[in-house]
Every structure is written in structure tokens, then in C-alpha cells.
Amino acid sequence: MKISYHGHSIVKIETNGKTILIDPFITGNGTTDLKVEEQNPDFILVTHGHADHVGDTVALAKNSGALVVAIPELANYFRSQGLENVHEMNIGGAYDLEFGKVKMTAAFHSTGLDIDGQINVYMGMPAGYLLTIEGKNIYHAGDTSVFSDMKLIGERHPIDVAFLPIGDNYTMGPEDAAYAAQLLAAKTVVPIHYNTFPVIQQDPKKFVSLLPEGQGKVIEVGESIEL
């Protein structure tokens, strides 16, 4: 299994001939190396209804026929945009898909999209995803603060790789993310959601320095790890 990082919160997982994209914010993202026309995902997982996470989901799904996974309110928005291959979930629920199991976890944040002149139309609760693929557990926290139930997530599902936001201002910052890593007890922790906008500028290497030696890993844009 190959896992790569592509700026902001975009994570791509390639496993058994299938490609999963999480939060495909490509257009307008100055930190990504991806181009919409070059992506052909089989599955798209969206953590919450903010433009920098919904991103190019509609265009990508229309082009590739990908199954889009989202919380019900956001799933309904995708259907209103012409997508038919949509699977809705809710927090705490799990579902078996072709590549493995998907579990939707809590996140503490906000959601809303500007639609047809309406400002911040509610898009359901924010979420994270816990994926079990090839016997490995991969956790994408989405946009969130640190919260104590992260300890329960890690205890019930030993995490091999956790992707945690470190940008601060809109999400937890490096210090809180380091505490989240402690609660989760993940084998490897990768920082995301930083340096896309001036207000979330962070040094990912400094974040890694806050973690026990060997736990933190900076994946540069376009780079990957193997599990």
C-alpha cells in the first residue's frame, strides 16, 4: 500500500489497484502538485463541508465515476450537484467498501458552503476517517481541535499512521497536535493542513521535534510512504 501527501489535507492511498483520495482540494491550492485532469480516483472521502476540503470532489467524481463518501448533509449536496454514486455515513458508523473498512470519527470544527448567494449553508458535522486496509489502520483527523476521545480511538484501533492538522488558527496547532499524537499512540504521525494560507504557516519539522523520536514524519508534497 502506497500513501502519499499532496498539500493542505489531501491524502492519496493506493491499494490493490484502487485509489482513494481524501479531501481533494486541488484548484486554488498553491501547495499541491496534483492536477484535476490527471486524477482518476475510485473513492473520494470528504471530511467536512468547507471549500478547502470539498475542493474538486464534484469534477473528479464526474470524470472518474468515483464513489464519494460523506456525512448525510454533505452527501445530499453532492447529489444536488449531479453525483449519483454517493455513500453517506455518520459519526461512529463503519462500512465495508471494496478496499477495506471505513469508520467515521468525530472532529471538532465547523462546516458550511456558500451556495447560490446563501452564505455558509450548513453541511453537517465535521468528521475524521479511520480506514482499515490490508490489516493496517490509517487515521485522517480532518479539521479538528484535540479532544480526549482520541485516546479511545487509539485504544480501540491501534493506529499505524495518523494524519493530524497542525496549522493552528482554524485547527489545533503544533503543541495540541503533539498532545493528540500522545493520546492516539499512533506508530507514525504525519502533519497536514499547514502553509496553504498565511494564517496557518507552520514548520512541520518543529512539530515532529515535539514528538518522541521516530514517531513524527514529514511527508513532503508528492512524496509517499509504504505500509
C-alpha atoms as a PDB file:
ATOM      1  CA  MET A   1       0.000   0.000   0.000  1.00  0.00           C
ATOM      2  CA  LYS A   2       1.287   3.426  -1.026  1.00  0.00           C
ATOM      3  CA  ILE A   3       0.221   6.544   0.872  1.00  0.00           C
ATOM      4  CA  SER A   4       1.134   9.991  -0.435  1.00  0.00           C
ATOM      5  CA  TYR A   5       0.587  13.583   0.694  1.00  0.00           C
ATOM      6  CA  HIS A   6      -0.356  16.362  -1.730  1.00  0.00           C
ATOM      7  CA  GLY A   7      -0.621  19.591   0.235  1.00  0.00           C
ATOM      8  CA  HIS A   8      -3.181  21.000   2.658  1.00  0.00           C
ATOM      9  CA  SER A   9      -5.211  17.945   3.755  1.00  0.00           C
ATOM     10  CA  ILE A  10      -5.017  15.853   0.577  1.00  0.00           C
ATOM     11  CA  VAL A  11      -4.002  12.253   1.198  1.00  0.00           C
ATOM     12  CA  LYS A  12      -3.945   9.623  -1.545  1.00  0.00           C
ATOM     13  CA  ILE A  13      -3.952   5.899  -0.804  1.00  0.00           C
ATOM     14  CA  GLU A  14      -3.229   3.330  -3.495  1.00  0.00           C
ATOM     15  CA  THR A  15      -4.025  -0.275  -2.618  1.00  0.00           C
ATOM     16  CA  ASN A  16      -4.808  -3.383  -4.651  1.00  0.00           C
ATOM     17  CA  GLY A  17      -5.388  -1.418  -7.824  1.00  0.00           C
ATOM     18  CA  LYS A  18      -7.725   1.101  -6.161  1.00  0.00           C
ATOM     19  CA  THR A  19      -7.092   4.788  -5.457  1.00  0.00           C
ATOM     20  CA  ILE A  20      -8.630   6.690  -2.547  1.00  0.00           C
ATOM     21  CA  LEU A  21      -8.463  10.484  -2.336  1.00  0.00           C
ATOM     22  CA  ILE A  22      -9.219  12.295   0.915  1.00  0.00           C
ATOM     23  CA  ASP A  23     -10.218  15.994   0.821  1.00  0.00           C
ATOM     24  CA  PRO A  24      -9.200  16.703  -2.805  1.00  0.00           C
ATOM     25  CA  PHE A  25      -8.709  20.483  -2.646  1.00  0.00           C
ATOM     26  CA  ILE A  26      -6.714  20.934  -5.866  1.00  0.00           C
ATOM     27  CA  THR A  27      -7.988  24.006  -7.737  1.00  0.00           C
ATOM     28  CA  GLY A  28      -6.828  27.100  -5.875  1.00  0.00           C
ATOM     29  CA  ASN A  29      -4.433  25.147  -3.669  1.00  0.00           C
ATOM     30  CA  GLY A  30      -0.979  26.611  -4.144  1.00  0.00           C
ATOM     31  CA  THR A  31       0.678  23.831  -2.164  1.00  0.00           C
ATOM     32  CA  THR A  32      -0.479  20.825  -4.196  1.00  0.00           C
ATOM     33  CA  ASP A  33       1.276  19.008  -7.024  1.00  0.00           C
ATOM     34  CA  LEU A  34      -1.939  17.442  -8.349  1.00  0.00           C
ATOM     35  CA  LYS A  35      -3.934  18.397 -11.443  1.00  0.00           C
ATOM     36  CA  VAL A  36      -7.625  17.568 -11.588  1.00  0.00           C
ATOM     37  CA  GLU A  37      -7.470  16.231 -15.141  1.00  0.00           C
ATOM     38  CA  GLU A  38      -4.737  13.771 -14.197  1.00  0.00           C
ATOM     39  CA  GLN A  39      -6.562  12.174 -11.254  1.00  0.00           C
ATOM     40  CA  ASN A  40      -8.742   9.088 -11.608  1.00  0.00           C
ATOM     41  CA  PRO A  41      -9.777   8.069  -8.088  1.00  0.00           C
ATOM     42  CA  ASP A  42     -12.050   5.124  -7.322  1.00  0.00           C
ATOM     43  CA  PHE A  43     -13.131   6.581  -3.975  1.00  0.00           C
ATOM     44  CA  ILE A  44     -13.270  10.130  -2.593  1.00  0.00           C
ATOM     45  CA  LEU A  45     -13.650  10.705   1.154  1.00  0.00           C
ATOM     46  CA  VAL A  46     -14.591  14.214   2.289  1.00  0.00           C
ATOM     47  CA  THR A  47     -14.189  15.111   5.959  1.00  0.00           C
ATOM     48  CA  HIS A  48     -16.446  18.168   6.047  1.00  0.00           C
ATOM     49  CA  GLY A  49     -18.218  20.866   4.103  1.00  0.00           C
ATOM     50  CA  HIS A  50     -15.635  23.606   3.773  1.00  0.00           C
ATOM     51  CA  ALA A  51     -14.422  24.654   0.327  1.00  0.00           C
ATOM     52  CA  ASP A  52     -10.799  23.763   1.082  1.00  0.00           C
ATOM     53  CA  HIS A  53     -11.827  20.147   1.749  1.00  0.00           C
ATOM     54  CA  VAL A  54     -14.756  19.622  -0.621  1.00  0.00           C
ATOM     55  CA  GLY A  55     -12.444  21.046  -3.259  1.00  0.00           C
ATOM     56  CA  ASP A  56     -12.763  19.358  -6.652  1.00  0.00           C
ATOM     57  CA  THR A  57     -14.860  16.418  -5.479  1.00  0.00           C
ATOM     58  CA  VAL A  58     -17.705  17.019  -7.940  1.00  0.00           C
ATOM     59  CA  ALA A  59     -15.478  17.376 -11.007  1.00  0.00           C
ATOM     60  CA  LEU A  60     -13.307  14.417 -10.039  1.00  0.00           C
ATOM     61  CA  ALA A  61     -16.285  12.149  -9.358  1.00  0.00           C
ATOM     62  CA  LYS A  62     -17.997  13.117 -12.614  1.00  0.00           C
ATOM     63  CA  ASN A  63     -14.816  12.390 -14.550  1.00  0.00           C
ATOM     64  CA  SER A  64     -13.905   9.118 -12.843  1.00  0.00           C
ATOM     65  CA  GLY A  65     -17.180   7.729 -11.504  1.00  0.00           C
ATOM     66  CA  ALA A  66     -15.647   7.582  -8.029  1.00  0.00           C
ATOM     67  CA  LEU A  67     -17.780   6.687  -5.038  1.00  0.00           C
ATOM     68  CA  VAL A  68     -17.993   9.738  -2.773  1.00  0.00           C
ATOM     69  CA  VAL A  69     -18.236   9.188   0.992  1.00  0.00           C
ATOM     70  CA  ALA A  70     -19.524  11.984   3.239  1.00  0.00           C
ATOM     71  CA  ILE A  71     -21.808  12.806   6.147  1.00  0.00           C
ATOM     72  CA  PRO A  72     -25.523  12.890   5.080  1.00  0.00           C
ATOM     73  CA  GLU A  73     -25.984  16.658   4.690  1.00  0.00           C
ATOM     74  CA  LEU A  74     -22.841  16.935   2.584  1.00  0.00           C
ATOM     75  CA  ALA A  75     -23.798  13.773   0.667  1.00  0.00           C
ATOM     76  CA  ASN A  76     -27.108  15.431  -0.229  1.00  0.00           C
ATOM     77  CA  TYR A  77     -25.228  18.474  -1.504  1.00  0.00           C
ATOM     78  CA  PHE A  78     -23.153  16.228  -3.768  1.00  0.00           C
ATOM     79  CA  ARG A  79     -26.331  14.611  -5.091  1.00  0.00           C
ATOM     80  CA  SER A  80     -27.724  18.076  -5.831  1.00  0.00           C
ATOM     81  CA  GLN A  81     -24.619  18.665  -7.957  1.00  0.00           C
ATOM     82  CA  GLY A  82     -25.411  15.656 -10.130  1.00  0.00           C
ATOM     83  CA  LEU A  83     -23.477  12.920  -8.366  1.00  0.00           C
ATOM     84  CA  GLU A  84     -25.296   9.601  -8.036  1.00  0.00           C
ATOM     85  CA  ASN A  85     -22.523   7.382  -6.708  1.00  0.00           C
ATOM     86  CA  VAL A  86     -22.584   8.695  -3.137  1.00  0.00           C
ATOM     87  CA  HIS A  87     -22.390   6.808   0.151  1.00  0.00           C
ATOM     88  CA  GLU A  88     -23.479   8.652   3.273  1.00  0.00           C
ATOM     89  CA  MET A  89     -22.241   7.785   6.753  1.00  0.00           C
ATOM     90  CA  ASN A  90     -22.452   9.317  10.196  1.00  0.00           C
ATOM     91  CA  ILE A  91     -20.105   9.664  13.140  1.00  0.00           C
ATOM     92  CA  GLY A  92     -19.345   6.380  14.859  1.00  0.00           C
ATOM     93  CA  GLY A  93     -20.567   4.317  11.918  1.00  0.00           C
ATOM     94  CA  ALA A  94     -18.416   1.929   9.918  1.00  0.00           C
ATOM     95  CA  TYR A  95     -18.908   0.363   6.499  1.00  0.00           C
ATOM     96  CA  ASP A  96     -17.059  -2.175   4.378  1.00  0.00           C
ATOM     97  CA  LEU A  97     -16.048  -0.897   0.975  1.00  0.00           C
ATOM     98  CA  GLU A  98     -14.141  -2.673  -1.759  1.00  0.00           C
ATOM     99  CA  PHE A  99     -10.737  -1.604  -0.453  1.00  0.00           C
ATOM    100  CA  GLY A 100     -11.414  -2.156   3.275  1.00  0.00           C
ATOM    101  CA  LYS A 101     -13.372  -0.749   6.206  1.00  0.00           C
ATOM    102  CA  VAL A 102     -14.215   2.931   6.668  1.00  0.00           C
ATOM    103  CA  LYS A 103     -15.184   4.307  10.072  1.00  0.00           C
ATOM    104  CA  MET A 104     -16.301   7.901  10.514  1.00  0.00           C
ATOM    105  CA  THR A 105     -14.907   9.525  13.652  1.00  0.00           C
ATOM    106  CA  ALA A 106     -15.729  12.719  15.490  1.00  0.00           C
ATOM    107  CA  ALA A 107     -13.984  16.022  14.801  1.00  0.00           C
ATOM    108  CA  PHE A 108     -14.488  19.409  16.460  1.00  0.00           C
ATOM    109  CA  HIS A 109     -14.768  22.142  13.857  1.00  0.00           C
ATOM    110  CA  SER A 110     -17.449  23.881  11.765  1.00  0.00           C
ATOM    111  CA  THR A 111     -18.927  23.397   8.290  1.00  0.00           C
ATOM    112  CA  GLY A 112     -20.662  25.440   5.627  1.00  0.00           C
ATOM    113  CA  LEU A 113     -20.525  26.272   1.925  1.00  0.00           C
ATOM    114  CA  ASP A 114     -21.640  29.403   0.076  1.00  0.00           C
ATOM    115  CA  ILE A 115     -24.317  28.253  -2.396  1.00  0.00           C
ATOM    116  CA  ASP A 116     -26.371  30.375  -4.800  1.00  0.00           C
ATOM    117  CA  GLY A 117     -25.905  33.535  -2.762  1.00  0.00           C
ATOM    118  CA  GLN A 118     -26.622  31.820   0.547  1.00  0.00           C
ATOM    119  CA  ILE A 119     -23.738  32.201   2.964  1.00  0.00           C
ATOM    120  CA  ASN A 120     -22.473  29.231   4.945  1.00  0.00           C
ATOM    121  CA  VAL A 121     -25.203  26.723   4.137  1.00  0.00           C
ATOM    122  CA  TYR A 122     -24.907  24.009   6.795  1.00  0.00           C
ATOM    123  CA  MET A 123     -23.169  20.865   5.538  1.00  0.00           C
ATOM    124  CA  GLY A 124     -23.445  18.551   8.522  1.00  0.00           C
ATOM    125  CA  MET A 125     -20.988  17.842  11.286  1.00  0.00           C
ATOM    126  CA  PRO A 126     -17.267  17.642  10.562  1.00  0.00           C
ATOM    127  CA  ALA A 127     -15.630  14.238  10.770  1.00  0.00           C
ATOM    128  CA  GLY A 128     -12.446  12.239  10.526  1.00  0.00           C
ATOM    129  CA  TYR A 129     -11.884   8.840   8.954  1.00  0.00           C
ATOM    130  CA  LEU A 130     -10.360   5.672  10.295  1.00  0.00           C
ATOM    131  CA  LEU A 131      -9.516   3.291   7.460  1.00  0.00           C
ATOM    132  CA  THR A 132      -8.592  -0.344   7.896  1.00  0.00           C
ATOM    133  CA  ILE A 133      -6.782  -1.503   4.760  1.00  0.00           C
ATOM    134  CA  GLU A 134      -4.583  -4.568   4.333  1.00  0.00           C
ATOM    135  CA  GLY A 135      -4.618  -5.050   8.095  1.00  0.00           C
ATOM    136  CA  LYS A 136      -3.362  -1.504   8.760  1.00  0.00           C
ATOM    137  CA  ASN A 137      -5.226   1.357  10.470  1.00  0.00           C
ATOM    138  CA  ILE A 138      -4.914   4.802   8.905  1.00  0.00           C
ATOM    139  CA  TYR A 139      -6.443   7.812  10.666  1.00  0.00           C
ATOM    140  CA  HIS A 140      -7.186  11.126   8.939  1.00  0.00           C
ATOM    141  CA  ALA A 141      -8.382  13.524  11.634  1.00  0.00           C
ATOM    142  CA  GLY A 142      -9.891  16.104   9.275  1.00  0.00           C
ATOM    143  CA  ASP A 143     -10.012  19.620  10.698  1.00  0.00           C
ATOM    144  CA  THR A 144     -10.236  19.432  14.456  1.00  0.00           C
ATOM    145  CA  SER A 145      -9.052  20.526  17.851  1.00  0.00           C
ATOM    146  CA  VAL A 146      -7.539  17.981  20.192  1.00  0.00           C
ATOM    147  CA  PHE A 147     -10.226  16.056  22.087  1.00  0.00           C
ATOM    148  CA  SER A 148      -9.994  13.421  24.795  1.00  0.00           C
ATOM    149  CA  ASP A 149     -11.792  10.694  22.817  1.00  0.00           C
ATOM    150  CA  MET A 150      -8.722  10.455  20.608  1.00  0.00           C
ATOM    151  CA  LYS A 151      -7.398   8.216  23.345  1.00  0.00           C
ATOM    152  CA  LEU A 152     -10.364   5.870  22.820  1.00  0.00           C
ATOM    153  CA  ILE A 153      -9.812   5.856  19.067  1.00  0.00           C
ATOM    154  CA  GLY A 154      -6.203   4.784  19.540  1.00  0.00           C
ATOM    155  CA  GLU A 155      -7.003   2.207  22.205  1.00  0.00           C
ATOM    156  CA  ARG A 156      -9.739   0.504  20.179  1.00  0.00           C
ATOM    157  CA  HIS A 157      -7.974   0.718  16.824  1.00  0.00           C
ATOM    158  CA  PRO A 158      -4.167   0.667  17.102  1.00  0.00           C
ATOM    159  CA  ILE A 159      -3.137   3.263  14.548  1.00  0.00           C
ATOM    160  CA  ASP A 160      -0.304   2.694  12.122  1.00  0.00           C
ATOM    161  CA  VAL A 161      -0.379   6.179  10.549  1.00  0.00           C
ATOM    162  CA  ALA A 162      -2.211   9.303  11.767  1.00  0.00           C
ATOM    163  CA  PHE A 163      -2.575  12.466   9.684  1.00  0.00           C
ATOM    164  CA  LEU A 164      -3.080  15.429  12.029  1.00  0.00           C
ATOM    165  CA  PRO A 165      -3.655  19.127  11.258  1.00  0.00           C
ATOM    166  CA  ILE A 166      -1.052  21.457  12.754  1.00  0.00           C
ATOM    167  CA  GLY A 167      -1.867  24.830  11.174  1.00  0.00           C
ATOM    168  CA  ASP A 168      -3.410  26.462  14.254  1.00  0.00           C
ATOM    169  CA  ASN A 169      -5.982  29.276  13.982  1.00  0.00           C
ATOM    170  CA  TYR A 170      -8.601  27.057  12.236  1.00  0.00           C
ATOM    171  CA  THR A 171      -7.477  23.771  13.811  1.00  0.00           C
ATOM    172  CA  MET A 172      -5.199  22.613  16.594  1.00  0.00           C
ATOM    173  CA  GLY A 173      -1.656  23.922  16.416  1.00  0.00           C
ATOM    174  CA  PRO A 174       1.614  22.024  16.787  1.00  0.00           C
ATOM    175  CA  GLU A 175       1.549  21.751  20.588  1.00  0.00           C
ATOM    176  CA  ASP A 176      -2.027  20.484  20.736  1.00  0.00           C
ATOM    177  CA  ALA A 177      -1.399  18.192  17.781  1.00  0.00           C
ATOM    178  CA  ALA A 178       1.580  16.733  19.637  1.00  0.00           C
ATOM    179  CA  TYR A 179      -0.712  16.036  22.588  1.00  0.00           C
ATOM    180  CA  ALA A 180      -3.223  14.462  20.200  1.00  0.00           C
ATOM    181  CA  ALA A 181      -0.448  12.203  18.920  1.00  0.00           C
ATOM    182  CA  GLN A 182       0.228  11.166  22.514  1.00  0.00           C
ATOM    183  CA  LEU A 183      -3.457  10.307  23.054  1.00  0.00           C
ATOM    184  CA  LEU A 184      -3.687   8.352  19.811  1.00  0.00           C
ATOM    185  CA  ALA A 185      -0.400   6.491  20.353  1.00  0.00           C
ATOM    186  CA  ALA A 186      -0.017   6.144  16.587  1.00  0.00           C
ATOM    187  CA  LYS A 187       3.124   4.461  15.303  1.00  0.00           C
ATOM    188  CA  THR A 188       3.667   7.240  12.759  1.00  0.00           C
ATOM    189  CA  VAL A 189       2.236  10.776  12.842  1.00  0.00           C
ATOM    190  CA  VAL A 190       2.235  12.975   9.736  1.00  0.00           C
ATOM    191  CA  PRO A 191       1.404  16.720   9.858  1.00  0.00           C
ATOM    192  CA  ILE A 192      -1.178  18.156   7.434  1.00  0.00           C
ATOM    193  CA  HIS A 193      -3.222  21.356   6.995  1.00  0.00           C
ATOM    194  CA  TYR A 194      -0.392  23.869   7.182  1.00  0.00           C
ATOM    195  CA  ASN A 195       1.295  26.517   4.972  1.00  0.00           C
ATOM    196  CA  THR A 196      -1.615  26.722   2.496  1.00  0.00           C
ATOM    197  CA  PHE A 197      -2.582  30.208   3.706  1.00  0.00           C
ATOM    198  CA  PRO A 198      -0.518  32.820   5.585  1.00  0.00           C
ATOM    199  CA  VAL A 199      -2.572  32.371   8.769  1.00  0.00           C
ATOM    200  CA  ILE A 200      -1.647  28.654   9.035  1.00  0.00           C
ATOM    201  CA  GLN A 201       2.085  28.916   8.401  1.00  0.00           C
ATOM    202  CA  GLN A 202       3.953  26.323  10.459  1.00  0.00           C
ATOM    203  CA  ASP A 203       7.270  24.464  10.477  1.00  0.00           C
ATOM    204  CA  PRO A 204       6.398  20.758  10.220  1.00  0.00           C
ATOM    205  CA  LYS A 205       9.875  19.743  11.348  1.00  0.00           C
ATOM    206  CA  LYS A 206       9.402  21.710  14.553  1.00  0.00           C
ATOM    207  CA  PHE A 207       6.164  19.790  15.122  1.00  0.00           C
ATOM    208  CA  VAL A 208       7.993  16.499  14.635  1.00  0.00           C
ATOM    209  CA  SER A 209      10.576  17.622  17.196  1.00  0.00           C
ATOM    210  CA  LEU A 210       7.797  17.757  19.808  1.00  0.00           C
ATOM    211  CA  LEU A 211       7.119  14.028  19.381  1.00  0.00           C
ATOM    212  CA  PRO A 212       9.076  11.042  20.690  1.00  0.00           C
ATOM    213  CA  GLU A 213      11.957  10.173  18.384  1.00  0.00           C
ATOM    214  CA  GLY A 214      10.819   8.171  15.402  1.00  0.00           C
ATOM    215  CA  GLN A 215       7.086   8.865  15.770  1.00  0.00           C
ATOM    216  CA  GLY A 216       6.748  12.000  13.647  1.00  0.00           C
ATOM    217  CA  LYS A 217       7.389  12.073   9.918  1.00  0.00           C
ATOM    218  CA  VAL A 218       7.153  14.960   7.492  1.00  0.00           C
ATOM    219  CA  ILE A 219       5.954  13.795   4.084  1.00  0.00           C
ATOM    220  CA  GLU A 220       6.766  16.464   1.540  1.00  0.00           C
ATOM    221  CA  VAL A 221       4.210  17.288  -1.139  1.00  0.00           C
ATOM    222  CA  GLY A 222       4.244  14.499  -3.712  1.00  0.00           C
ATOM    223  CA  GLU A 223       6.203  12.111  -1.519  1.00  0.00           C
ATOM    224  CA  SER A 224       4.880   8.801  -0.241  1.00  0.00           C
ATOM    225  CA  ILE A 225       5.382   6.073   2.313  1.00  0.00           C
ATOM    226  CA  GLU A 226       4.764   2.354   2.029  1.00  0.00           C
ATOM    227  CA  LEU A 227       2.773   0.363   4.569  1.00  0.00           C
END
